[in-house]
């Protein structure tokens, strides 16, 4: 499973008001730097799910037999909370 997120339109430095499809990132121009608490929750919960791995700049969640409906619900709840925070 490859997860891409989309921000609401917001002020993004010298680029003005824009929306982005992206993966989570850090730094001065991170797309969700305006909701750091929600990003931190996402960064803590999603890597704890079975099948999560990171290789270089990419992260993925392999859905195998250890990934249950309970995990799917946790993932959905975490993604919804991040989306709600980003939407303001």
Protein backbone atom coordinates (compact mmCIF):
# COMPACT_ATOMS: atom_id res chain seq x y z
CA UNK A 1 0.00 0.00 0.00
CA UNK A 2 1.41 3.34 -0.99
CA UNK A 3 -0.12 6.29 0.83
CA UNK A 4 -0.17 9.76 -0.63
CA UNK A 5 -1.81 12.62 1.20
CA UNK A 6 -3.32 15.86 -0.09
CA UNK A 7 -3.27 19.11 1.83
CA UNK A 8 -5.98 21.70 1.90
CA UNK A 9 -5.04 24.96 0.22
CA UNK A 10 -2.82 26.95 2.53
CA UNK A 11 -0.05 29.54 2.49
CA UNK A 12 3.14 27.81 1.42
CA UNK A 13 6.07 30.20 1.70
CA UNK A 14 6.96 32.06 -1.46
CA UNK A 15 4.70 29.79 -3.52
CA UNK A 16 1.43 31.31 -2.30
CA UNK A 17 -1.78 29.45 -1.54
CA UNK A 18 -1.58 25.93 -2.93
CA UNK A 19 -2.58 22.32 -2.32
CA UNK A 20 -0.24 19.34 -2.71
CA UNK A 21 -0.22 15.58 -3.10
CA UNK A 22 2.74 14.32 -1.10
CA UNK A 23 4.37 11.93 1.30
CA UNK A 24 5.14 13.15 4.81
CA UNK A 25 8.40 15.10 4.98
CA UNK A 26 10.32 17.25 7.41
CA UNK A 27 12.05 20.61 7.09
CA UNK A 28 11.22 24.25 6.51
CA UNK A 29 8.95 23.50 3.55
CA UNK A 30 7.21 20.38 4.81
CA UNK A 31 3.65 20.46 3.49
CA UNK A 32 2.05 19.82 6.88
CA UNK A 33 4.38 21.89 9.04
CA UNK A 34 1.33 23.87 10.17
CA UNK A 35 -0.09 20.81 12.02
CA UNK A 36 3.00 19.29 13.67
CA UNK A 37 1.09 17.56 16.47
CA UNK A 38 -1.10 15.62 14.02
CA UNK A 39 1.94 14.69 11.94
CA UNK A 40 3.71 13.41 15.05
CA UNK A 41 0.74 11.19 15.95
CA UNK A 42 0.71 9.81 12.39
CA UNK A 43 4.48 9.22 12.46
CA UNK A 44 4.17 7.34 15.74
CA UNK A 45 1.14 5.18 14.91
CA UNK A 46 1.58 4.14 11.27
CA UNK A 47 5.13 2.70 11.60
CA UNK A 48 3.85 0.56 14.48
CA UNK A 49 1.49 -1.30 12.13
CA UNK A 50 2.55 -4.75 10.91
CA UNK A 51 4.17 -4.72 7.48
CA UNK A 52 5.50 -1.15 7.66
CA UNK A 53 8.99 -0.65 6.25
CA UNK A 54 11.28 2.17 5.14
CA UNK A 55 13.89 2.02 2.41
CA UNK A 56 15.70 5.25 1.62
CA UNK A 57 13.15 8.03 1.11
CA UNK A 58 10.29 5.57 0.58
CA UNK A 59 8.01 4.00 3.16
CA UNK A 60 5.36 1.37 2.56
CA UNK A 61 2.85 -0.77 4.33
CA UNK A 62 2.73 -4.35 3.06
CA UNK A 63 -0.64 -5.91 3.66
CA UNK A 64 0.05 -9.48 4.73
CA UNK A 65 -1.63 -12.01 6.97
CA UNK A 66 -0.53 -10.13 10.12
CA UNK A 67 -2.39 -6.98 9.00
CA UNK A 68 -5.89 -7.39 10.42
CA UNK A 69 -9.13 -5.44 10.22
CA UNK A 70 -8.17 -3.89 13.57
CA UNK A 71 -4.98 -2.54 11.95
CA UNK A 72 -6.95 -1.25 8.97
CA UNK A 73 -9.24 0.63 11.37
CA UNK A 74 -6.25 2.10 13.21
CA UNK A 75 -4.74 3.23 9.91
CA UNK A 76 -8.00 4.80 8.76
CA UNK A 77 -8.52 6.62 12.07
CA UNK A 78 -4.96 7.97 11.99
CA UNK A 79 -5.32 9.16 8.39
CA UNK A 80 -8.70 10.81 9.08
CA UNK A 81 -7.31 12.67 12.11
CA UNK A 82 -4.39 13.93 10.03
CA UNK A 83 -6.76 15.02 7.25
CA UNK A 84 -9.05 16.80 9.72
CA UNK A 85 -6.11 18.65 11.26
CA UNK A 86 -4.81 19.65 7.82
CA UNK A 87 -8.23 20.89 6.71
CA UNK A 88 -8.45 23.09 9.80
